[in-house]
Amino acid sequence: MKLDLSRDYANADFIPDAAEYPPRWVAKAAAFRDRLGDRARCGISYGEGARQTFDLFLPETTPAGLLVFIHGGYWLNFTPAHWSHLAAGALARDWAVAFPGYTLAPQARIHQITDEVEAAISAAAQIIDGPIVVTGHSAGGHLSARMGCADRNPDWADRLVRVVPISPVADLSPLMHTAMNADLKIDAAEVEAESPSRLQKRPEIDCTAWVGGQERPSFLWQARTLSENWDCPWHVAKGKHHFDVIDALEDPESALTNTLLD
């Protein structure tokens, strides 16, 4: 019998009223950008592709540094415009926040998306001085962890102080056995090359893996696997599922924001 792990990674099937979350995110994000006015700089290009843009949100004062949030959606869905409101906590603490876009699968493989995210951060780092912290959620958690791997050597590497992957996919191998792999096209070579938990963390950066306590067991396993293989802390946010674990980014004093910026 063919192994099928699709149910293990079907987050929405286990979240009440899951379909209400994406339109709610879109509305909150749009309202947040409207409130920021000219401190919201959206659609900055870092490449020639239609999705090779990033949004940049500026605090009221000189930025203390650059926080990067990489969106999820299994590398298949969403845009930076879904998540703008998640910049609120860091902006309140005088950090600039960048939201990279990237080409979605199946138009791009995961290793190509990794390269695009690195290029987007390079472009944002040319605009904003100071330390860089990278976070991301789900597939974005994977990509944020990839930015902390020793095989990456971007031009901003000496400024990167921390990565905080939220609900990350740290090991790609289970996704080879899901229906979504028809579009992701993950193979054994990409598992080895693109799974953060199978790679080395750059020794000079900090990492904390973050995950909701009510997430699918597969995501708790993913976060713990990264923690064990990287010898870094992992934090289980009590009572949070895959869709609301990121809400704490809106609060400048939440435990998640403190982990990112303190």
C-alpha atoms as a PDB file:
ATOM      1  CA  MET A   1       0.000   0.000   0.000  1.00  0.00           C
ATOM      2  CA  LYS A   2       1.290   3.443  -0.927  1.00  0.00           C
ATOM      3  CA  LEU A   3       2.098   5.636   2.069  1.00  0.00           C
ATOM      4  CA  ASP A   4      -0.159   8.712   2.193  1.00  0.00           C
ATOM      5  CA  LEU A   5       0.577  11.347   4.856  1.00  0.00           C
ATOM      6  CA  SER A   6      -1.765  13.993   3.431  1.00  0.00           C
ATOM      7  CA  ARG A   7      -4.011  13.933   6.523  1.00  0.00           C
ATOM      8  CA  ASP A   8      -1.030  14.569   8.793  1.00  0.00           C
ATOM      9  CA  TYR A   9      -0.409  17.903   7.070  1.00  0.00           C
ATOM     10  CA  ALA A  10      -4.019  18.952   6.444  1.00  0.00           C
ATOM     11  CA  ASN A  11      -4.119  21.797   8.956  1.00  0.00           C
ATOM     12  CA  ALA A  12      -7.417  23.372   7.929  1.00  0.00           C
ATOM     13  CA  ASP A  13      -9.307  20.103   8.355  1.00  0.00           C
ATOM     14  CA  PHE A  14      -8.686  20.267  12.100  1.00  0.00           C
ATOM     15  CA  ILE A  15      -9.290  23.982  12.768  1.00  0.00           C
ATOM     16  CA  PRO A  16     -12.858  25.179  13.470  1.00  0.00           C
ATOM     17  CA  ASP A  17     -14.091  27.696  10.879  1.00  0.00           C
ATOM     18  CA  ALA A  18     -10.795  27.439   9.036  1.00  0.00           C
ATOM     19  CA  ALA A  19     -12.245  28.959   5.856  1.00  0.00           C
ATOM     20  CA  GLU A  20     -12.886  32.239   7.699  1.00  0.00           C
ATOM     21  CA  TYR A  21      -9.220  32.883   8.412  1.00  0.00           C
ATOM     22  CA  PRO A  22      -7.866  33.915   4.959  1.00  0.00           C
ATOM     23  CA  PRO A  23     -10.490  36.630   4.309  1.00  0.00           C
ATOM     24  CA  ARG A  24      -9.985  37.888   7.859  1.00  0.00           C
ATOM     25  CA  TRP A  25      -6.223  38.094   7.266  1.00  0.00           C
ATOM     26  CA  VAL A  26      -6.739  40.002   4.020  1.00  0.00           C
ATOM     27  CA  ALA A  27      -9.054  42.541   5.672  1.00  0.00           C
ATOM     28  CA  LYS A  28      -6.772  43.105   8.666  1.00  0.00           C
ATOM     29  CA  ALA A  29      -3.723  43.434   6.454  1.00  0.00           C
ATOM     30  CA  ALA A  30      -5.367  45.990   4.158  1.00  0.00           C
ATOM     31  CA  ALA A  31      -6.606  48.080   7.089  1.00  0.00           C
ATOM     32  CA  PHE A  32      -3.151  47.995   8.640  1.00  0.00           C
ATOM     33  CA  ARG A  33      -1.499  49.243   5.435  1.00  0.00           C
ATOM     34  CA  ASP A  34      -4.050  52.020   5.181  1.00  0.00           C
ATOM     35  CA  ARG A  35      -3.268  53.184   8.700  1.00  0.00           C
ATOM     36  CA  LEU A  36       0.470  53.264   7.981  1.00  0.00           C
ATOM     37  CA  GLY A  37       0.114  55.507   4.954  1.00  0.00           C
ATOM     38  CA  ASP A  38       3.470  56.316   3.398  1.00  0.00           C
ATOM     39  CA  ARG A  39       5.269  54.148   5.941  1.00  0.00           C
ATOM     40  CA  ALA A  40       3.964  51.172   3.942  1.00  0.00           C
ATOM     41  CA  ARG A  41       6.087  50.622   0.834  1.00  0.00           C
ATOM     42  CA  CYS A  42       4.577  47.752  -1.094  1.00  0.00           C
ATOM     43  CA  GLY A  43       5.616  45.891  -4.207  1.00  0.00           C
ATOM     44  CA  ILE A  44       9.329  46.720  -4.158  1.00  0.00           C
ATOM     45  CA  SER A  45      10.968  44.656  -6.886  1.00  0.00           C
ATOM     46  CA  TYR A  46      13.995  42.444  -6.264  1.00  0.00           C
ATOM     47  CA  GLY A  47      13.842  40.501  -9.543  1.00  0.00           C
ATOM     48  CA  GLU A  48      12.091  40.232 -12.863  1.00  0.00           C
ATOM     49  CA  GLY A  49       9.435  37.691 -11.839  1.00  0.00           C
ATOM     50  CA  ALA A  50       5.883  38.827 -11.185  1.00  0.00           C
ATOM     51  CA  ARG A  51       6.039  37.621  -7.571  1.00  0.00           C
ATOM     52  CA  GLN A  52       9.611  38.753  -6.954  1.00  0.00           C
ATOM     53  CA  THR A  53       8.631  41.729  -4.834  1.00  0.00           C
ATOM     54  CA  PHE A  54       8.571  42.526  -1.135  1.00  0.00           C
ATOM     55  CA  ASP A  55       6.587  44.830   1.117  1.00  0.00           C
ATOM     56  CA  LEU A  56       8.451  47.013   3.590  1.00  0.00           C
ATOM     57  CA  PHE A  57       6.914  48.706   6.629  1.00  0.00           C
ATOM     58  CA  LEU A  58       8.758  51.449   8.467  1.00  0.00           C
ATOM     59  CA  PRO A  59       8.559  52.554  12.103  1.00  0.00           C
ATOM     60  CA  GLU A  60       8.079  56.204  13.024  1.00  0.00           C
ATOM     61  CA  THR A  61      11.754  56.579  13.970  1.00  0.00           C
ATOM     62  CA  THR A  62      15.066  55.342  12.575  1.00  0.00           C
ATOM     63  CA  PRO A  63      14.763  51.529  12.429  1.00  0.00           C
ATOM     64  CA  ALA A  64      16.511  49.543  15.146  1.00  0.00           C
ATOM     65  CA  GLY A  65      16.945  46.741  12.627  1.00  0.00           C
ATOM     66  CA  LEU A  66      15.150  44.640  10.035  1.00  0.00           C
ATOM     67  CA  LEU A  67      12.683  41.871  10.843  1.00  0.00           C
ATOM     68  CA  VAL A  68      11.768  39.624   7.922  1.00  0.00           C
ATOM     69  CA  PHE A  69       8.542  37.600   7.931  1.00  0.00           C
ATOM     70  CA  ILE A  70       8.244  34.886   5.264  1.00  0.00           C
ATOM     71  CA  HIS A  71       4.714  33.720   4.582  1.00  0.00           C
ATOM     72  CA  GLY A  72       3.536  30.145   4.394  1.00  0.00           C
ATOM     73  CA  GLY A  73       0.935  28.298   2.375  1.00  0.00           C
ATOM     74  CA  TYR A  74       2.969  25.162   1.584  1.00  0.00           C
ATOM     75  CA  TRP A  75       4.922  27.151  -1.050  1.00  0.00           C
ATOM     76  CA  LEU A  76       1.680  26.995  -3.071  1.00  0.00           C
ATOM     77  CA  ASN A  77      -0.538  29.818  -1.811  1.00  0.00           C
ATOM     78  CA  PHE A  78      -0.803  33.372  -0.478  1.00  0.00           C
ATOM     79  CA  THR A  79       1.102  36.612  -0.989  1.00  0.00           C
ATOM     80  CA  PRO A  80       2.770  39.111   1.350  1.00  0.00           C
ATOM     81  CA  ALA A  81      -0.460  41.155   1.262  1.00  0.00           C
ATOM     82  CA  HIS A  82      -2.217  38.572   3.444  1.00  0.00           C
ATOM     83  CA  TRP A  83       0.040  39.226   6.424  1.00  0.00           C
ATOM     84  CA  SER A  84       0.838  42.950   6.730  1.00  0.00           C
ATOM     85  CA  HIS A  85      -0.832  43.292  10.138  1.00  0.00           C
ATOM     86  CA  LEU A  86       1.721  40.898  11.631  1.00  0.00           C
ATOM     87  CA  ALA A  87       4.263  43.742  11.449  1.00  0.00           C
ATOM     88  CA  ALA A  88       2.480  45.626  14.236  1.00  0.00           C
ATOM     89  CA  GLY A  89       4.449  44.254  17.169  1.00  0.00           C
ATOM     90  CA  ALA A  90       7.891  44.857  15.678  1.00  0.00           C
ATOM     91  CA  LEU A  91       6.963  48.299  14.311  1.00  0.00           C
ATOM     92  CA  ALA A  92       5.882  49.354  17.795  1.00  0.00           C
ATOM     93  CA  ARG A  93       9.407  48.492  18.908  1.00  0.00           C
ATOM     94  CA  ASP A  94      10.978  50.554  16.125  1.00  0.00           C
ATOM     95  CA  TRP A  95      11.963  47.698  13.815  1.00  0.00           C
ATOM     96  CA  ALA A  96      11.338  47.810  10.090  1.00  0.00           C
ATOM     97  CA  VAL A  97       9.540  44.731   8.766  1.00  0.00           C
ATOM     98  CA  ALA A  98       9.891  43.167   5.307  1.00  0.00           C
ATOM     99  CA  PHE A  99       7.540  40.604   3.781  1.00  0.00           C
ATOM    100  CA  PRO A 100       9.145  38.811   0.825  1.00  0.00           C
ATOM    101  CA  GLY A 101       7.059  37.461  -2.002  1.00  0.00           C
ATOM    102  CA  TYR A 102       8.264  34.527  -4.062  1.00  0.00           C
ATOM    103  CA  THR A 103       7.280  32.445  -7.062  1.00  0.00           C
ATOM    104  CA  LEU A 104       4.862  29.749  -5.987  1.00  0.00           C
ATOM    105  CA  ALA A 105       5.007  26.058  -6.821  1.00  0.00           C
ATOM    106  CA  PRO A 106       4.601  24.438  -9.294  1.00  0.00           C
ATOM    107  CA  GLN A 107       6.163  27.333 -11.204  1.00  0.00           C
ATOM    108  CA  ALA A 108       9.182  27.114  -8.873  1.00  0.00           C
ATOM    109  CA  ARG A 109      10.777  24.284  -6.941  1.00  0.00           C
ATOM    110  CA  ILE A 110      11.543  24.746  -3.251  1.00  0.00           C
ATOM    111  CA  HIS A 111      15.266  25.253  -3.819  1.00  0.00           C
ATOM    112  CA  GLN A 112      14.457  28.061  -6.258  1.00  0.00           C
ATOM    113  CA  ILE A 113      12.100  29.668  -3.739  1.00  0.00           C
ATOM    114  CA  THR A 114      14.889  29.536  -1.142  1.00  0.00           C
ATOM    115  CA  ASP A 115      17.141  31.477  -3.505  1.00  0.00           C
ATOM    116  CA  GLU A 116      14.414  34.036  -4.179  1.00  0.00           C
ATOM    117  CA  VAL A 117      13.826  34.680  -0.487  1.00  0.00           C
ATOM    118  CA  GLU A 118      17.544  35.220   0.055  1.00  0.00           C
ATOM    119  CA  ALA A 119      17.570  37.727  -2.820  1.00  0.00           C
ATOM    120  CA  ALA A 120      14.539  39.553  -1.394  1.00  0.00           C
ATOM    121  CA  ILE A 121      16.233  39.927   1.985  1.00  0.00           C
ATOM    122  CA  SER A 122      19.372  41.193   0.248  1.00  0.00           C
ATOM    123  CA  ALA A 123      17.315  43.927  -1.378  1.00  0.00           C
ATOM    124  CA  ALA A 124      15.598  44.875   1.883  1.00  0.00           C
ATOM    125  CA  ALA A 125      18.948  44.886   3.712  1.00  0.00           C
ATOM    126  CA  GLN A 126      20.221  47.502   1.300  1.00  0.00           C
ATOM    127  CA  ILE A 127      17.437  49.820   2.445  1.00  0.00           C
ATOM    128  CA  ILE A 128      17.477  49.125   6.198  1.00  0.00           C
ATOM    129  CA  ASP A 129      20.620  49.151   8.350  1.00  0.00           C
ATOM    130  CA  GLY A 130      21.282  47.230  11.531  1.00  0.00           C
ATOM    131  CA  PRO A 131      20.750  43.660  12.717  1.00  0.00           C
ATOM    132  CA  ILE A 132      18.522  41.251  10.810  1.00  0.00           C
ATOM    133  CA  VAL A 133      16.101  38.747  12.332  1.00  0.00           C
ATOM    134  CA  VAL A 134      14.260  36.287  10.084  1.00  0.00           C
ATOM    135  CA  THR A 135      11.037  34.524  10.961  1.00  0.00           C
ATOM    136  CA  GLY A 136       8.325  32.825   8.973  1.00  0.00           C
ATOM    137  CA  HIS A 137       5.347  30.540   9.321  1.00  0.00           C
ATOM    138  CA  SER A 138       4.845  26.968   8.077  1.00  0.00           C
ATOM    139  CA  ALA A 139       6.504  26.863   4.630  1.00  0.00           C
ATOM    140  CA  GLY A 140       7.821  30.290   5.630  1.00  0.00           C
ATOM    141  CA  GLY A 141       9.153  28.658   8.785  1.00  0.00           C
ATOM    142  CA  HIS A 142      11.081  26.294   6.555  1.00  0.00           C
ATOM    143  CA  LEU A 143      12.420  29.215   4.523  1.00  0.00           C
ATOM    144  CA  SER A 144      13.379  31.203   7.615  1.00  0.00           C
ATOM    145  CA  ALA A 145      15.322  28.221   8.935  1.00  0.00           C
ATOM    146  CA  ARG A 146      17.038  27.878   5.558  1.00  0.00           C
ATOM    147  CA  MET A 147      18.326  31.437   5.917  1.00  0.00           C
ATOM    148  CA  GLY A 148      20.147  30.279   9.060  1.00  0.00           C
ATOM    149  CA  CYS A 149      21.802  27.241   7.472  1.00  0.00           C
ATOM    150  CA  ALA A 150      25.563  27.097   7.084  1.00  0.00           C
ATOM    151  CA  ASP A 151      25.335  26.366   3.347  1.00  0.00           C
ATOM    152  CA  ARG A 152      23.848  29.839   2.733  1.00  0.00           C
ATOM    153  CA  ASN A 153      26.227  32.772   2.504  1.00  0.00           C
ATOM    154  CA  PRO A 154      24.238  35.873   1.578  1.00  0.00           C
ATOM    155  CA  ASP A 155      25.792  39.315   1.500  1.00  0.00           C
ATOM    156  CA  TRP A 156      23.895  40.135   4.715  1.00  0.00           C
ATOM    157  CA  ALA A 157      25.070  37.040   6.631  1.00  0.00           C
ATOM    158  CA  ASP A 158      27.182  39.034   9.086  1.00  0.00           C
ATOM    159  CA  ARG A 159      24.085  41.019  10.099  1.00  0.00           C
ATOM    160  CA  LEU A 160      21.843  38.006  10.739  1.00  0.00           C
ATOM    161  CA  VAL A 161      21.527  37.488  14.484  1.00  0.00           C
ATOM    162  CA  ARG A 162      18.533  35.169  14.833  1.00  0.00           C
ATOM    163  CA  VAL A 163      16.013  32.975  13.056  1.00  0.00           C
ATOM    164  CA  VAL A 164      12.691  31.999  14.636  1.00  0.00           C
ATOM    165  CA  PRO A 165      10.902  29.429  12.475  1.00  0.00           C
ATOM    166  CA  ILE A 166       7.202  29.285  13.421  1.00  0.00           C
ATOM    167  CA  SER A 167       5.483  25.939  12.820  1.00  0.00           C
ATOM    168  CA  PRO A 168       8.264  25.059  10.389  1.00  0.00           C
ATOM    169  CA  VAL A 169       8.493  22.220   7.924  1.00  0.00           C
ATOM    170  CA  ALA A 170      12.029  21.317   8.956  1.00  0.00           C
ATOM    171  CA  ASP A 171      12.209  17.934   7.224  1.00  0.00           C
ATOM    172  CA  LEU A 172      10.691  17.749   3.747  1.00  0.00           C
ATOM    173  CA  SER A 173      10.644  13.970   3.486  1.00  0.00           C
ATOM    174  CA  PRO A 174       7.071  13.420   4.777  1.00  0.00           C
ATOM    175  CA  LEU A 175       5.701  15.792   2.154  1.00  0.00           C
ATOM    176  CA  MET A 176       6.897  13.443  -0.564  1.00  0.00           C
ATOM    177  CA  HIS A 177       4.032  11.220   0.593  1.00  0.00           C
ATOM    178  CA  THR A 178       1.247  13.821   0.345  1.00  0.00           C
ATOM    179  CA  ALA A 179      -1.064  14.778  -2.495  1.00  0.00           C
ATOM    180  CA  MET A 180       0.478  18.248  -2.652  1.00  0.00           C
ATOM    181  CA  ASN A 181       3.737  16.786  -3.887  1.00  0.00           C
ATOM    182  CA  ALA A 182       2.175  16.577  -7.333  1.00  0.00           C
ATOM    183  CA  ASP A 183       2.857  20.325  -7.424  1.00  0.00           C
ATOM    184  CA  LEU A 184       5.825  20.575  -5.060  1.00  0.00           C
ATOM    185  CA  LYS A 185       7.783  17.852  -6.863  1.00  0.00           C
ATOM    186  CA  ILE A 186       9.999  17.180  -3.836  1.00  0.00           C
ATOM    187  CA  ASP A 187      12.436  14.349  -4.518  1.00  0.00           C
ATOM    188  CA  ALA A 188      15.106  12.646  -2.430  1.00  0.00           C
ATOM    189  CA  ALA A 189      17.812  15.060  -3.555  1.00  0.00           C
ATOM    190  CA  GLU A 190      15.745  18.099  -2.583  1.00  0.00           C
ATOM    191  CA  VAL A 191      14.935  16.539   0.785  1.00  0.00           C
ATOM    192  CA  GLU A 192      18.639  16.337   1.564  1.00  0.00           C
ATOM    193  CA  ALA A 193      19.521  19.754   0.146  1.00  0.00           C
ATOM    194  CA  GLU A 194      16.557  21.766   1.459  1.00  0.00           C
ATOM    195  CA  SER A 195      15.560  20.228   4.810  1.00  0.00           C
ATOM    196  CA  PRO A 196      16.948  22.499   7.554  1.00  0.00           C
ATOM    197  CA  SER A 197      16.956  19.723  10.130  1.00  0.00           C
ATOM    198  CA  ARG A 198      19.336  17.737   7.900  1.00  0.00           C
ATOM    199  CA  LEU A 199      21.691  20.691   7.511  1.00  0.00           C
ATOM    200  CA  GLN A 200      23.961  22.600   9.881  1.00  0.00           C
ATOM    201  CA  LYS A 201      22.945  25.860  11.518  1.00  0.00           C
ATOM    202  CA  ARG A 202      25.361  28.723  11.114  1.00  0.00           C
ATOM    203  CA  PRO A 203      27.035  28.660  14.547  1.00  0.00           C
ATOM    204  CA  GLU A 204      26.972  32.380  15.239  1.00  0.00           C
ATOM    205  CA  ILE A 205      23.205  32.843  15.013  1.00  0.00           C
ATOM    206  CA  ASP A 206      20.503  32.079  17.564  1.00  0.00           C
ATOM    207  CA  CYS A 207      17.471  29.968  16.773  1.00  0.00           C
ATOM    208  CA  THR A 208      14.226  29.184  18.578  1.00  0.00           C
ATOM    209  CA  ALA A 209      11.652  26.919  16.951  1.00  0.00           C
ATOM    210  CA  TRP A 210       8.080  27.978  17.747  1.00  0.00           C
ATOM    211  CA  VAL A 211       4.932  25.880  17.393  1.00  0.00           C
ATOM    212  CA  GLY A 212       1.351  25.844  18.646  1.00  0.00           C
ATOM    213  CA  GLY A 213       0.365  23.297  21.245  1.00  0.00           C
ATOM    214  CA  GLN A 214      -2.847  22.437  19.353  1.00  0.00           C
ATOM    215  CA  GLU A 215      -1.176  21.912  16.000  1.00  0.00           C
ATOM    216  CA  ARG A 216      -1.144  18.646  14.110  1.00  0.00           C
ATOM    217  CA  PRO A 217       1.254  16.154  15.708  1.00  0.00           C
ATOM    218  CA  SER A 218       3.327  16.298  12.533  1.00  0.00           C
ATOM    219  CA  PHE A 219       4.127  19.967  13.152  1.00  0.00           C
ATOM    220  CA  LEU A 220       5.052  19.363  16.769  1.00  0.00           C
ATOM    221  CA  TRP A 221       7.381  16.652  15.480  1.00  0.00           C
ATOM    222  CA  GLN A 222       8.822  18.999  12.859  1.00  0.00           C
ATOM    223  CA  ALA A 223       9.587  21.740  15.410  1.00  0.00           C
ATOM    224  CA  ARG A 224      11.114  19.310  17.872  1.00  0.00           C
ATOM    225  CA  THR A 225      13.188  17.676  15.133  1.00  0.00           C
ATOM    226  CA  LEU A 226      14.687  21.043  14.230  1.00  0.00           C
ATOM    227  CA  SER A 227      15.329  21.782  17.904  1.00  0.00           C
ATOM    228  CA  GLU A 228      17.073  18.470  18.480  1.00  0.00           C
ATOM    229  CA  ASN A 229      19.177  18.531  15.337  1.00  0.00           C
ATOM    230  CA  TRP A 230      20.186  22.160  15.778  1.00  0.00           C
ATOM    231  CA  ASP A 231      20.552  21.931  19.571  1.00  0.00           C
ATOM    232  CA  CYS A 232      18.362  24.995  19.998  1.00  0.00           C
ATOM    233  CA  PRO A 233      15.296  25.765  22.132  1.00  0.00           C
ATOM    234  CA  TRP A 234      11.772  25.070  21.000  1.00  0.00           C
ATOM    235  CA  HIS A 235       8.670  26.687  22.435  1.00  0.00           C
ATOM    236  CA  VAL A 236       5.160  25.247  22.432  1.00  0.00           C
ATOM    237  CA  ALA A 237       2.539  28.035  22.517  1.00  0.00           C
ATOM    238  CA  LYS A 238      -0.215  26.619  24.724  1.00  0.00           C
ATOM    239  CA  GLY A 239      -3.640  26.386  23.107  1.00  0.00           C
ATOM    240  CA  LYS A 240      -2.562  27.742  19.702  1.00  0.00           C
ATOM    241  CA  HIS A 241      -3.265  25.995  16.423  1.00  0.00           C
ATOM    242  CA  HIS A 242      -1.620  26.412  13.035  1.00  0.00           C
ATOM    243  CA  PHE A 243      -3.678  29.447  12.011  1.00  0.00           C
ATOM    244  CA  ASP A 244      -3.599  31.518  15.216  1.00  0.00           C
ATOM    245  CA  VAL A 245      -0.071  30.787  16.465  1.00  0.00           C
ATOM    246  CA  ILE A 246       1.119  33.824  14.468  1.00  0.00           C
ATOM    247  CA  ASP A 247      -1.306  36.292  16.059  1.00  0.00           C
ATOM    248  CA  ALA A 248       1.214  37.076  18.798  1.00  0.00           C
ATOM    249  CA  LEU A 249       3.312  38.970  16.237  1.00  0.00           C
ATOM    250  CA  GLU A 250       0.796  41.816  16.482  1.00  0.00           C
ATOM    251  CA  ASP A 251       1.636  42.345  20.164  1.00  0.00           C
ATOM    252  CA  PRO A 252       4.904  44.199  20.890  1.00  0.00           C
ATOM    253  CA  GLU A 253       5.154  42.558  24.334  1.00  0.00           C
ATOM    254  CA  SER A 254       4.166  38.999  23.471  1.00  0.00           C
ATOM    255  CA  ALA A 255       6.516  36.134  24.224  1.00  0.00           C
ATOM    256  CA  LEU A 256       6.975  35.583  20.492  1.00  0.00           C
ATOM    257  CA  THR A 257       7.886  39.207  19.779  1.00  0.00           C
ATOM    258  CA  ASN A 258      10.236  39.221  22.740  1.00  0.00           C
ATOM    259  CA  THR A 259      11.924  36.069  21.444  1.00  0.00           C
ATOM    260  CA  LEU A 260      12.420  37.730  18.085  1.00  0.00           C
ATOM    261  CA  LEU A 261      13.692  41.119  19.206  1.00  0.00           C
ATOM    262  CA  ASP A 262      15.173  40.883  22.708  1.00  0.00           C
END
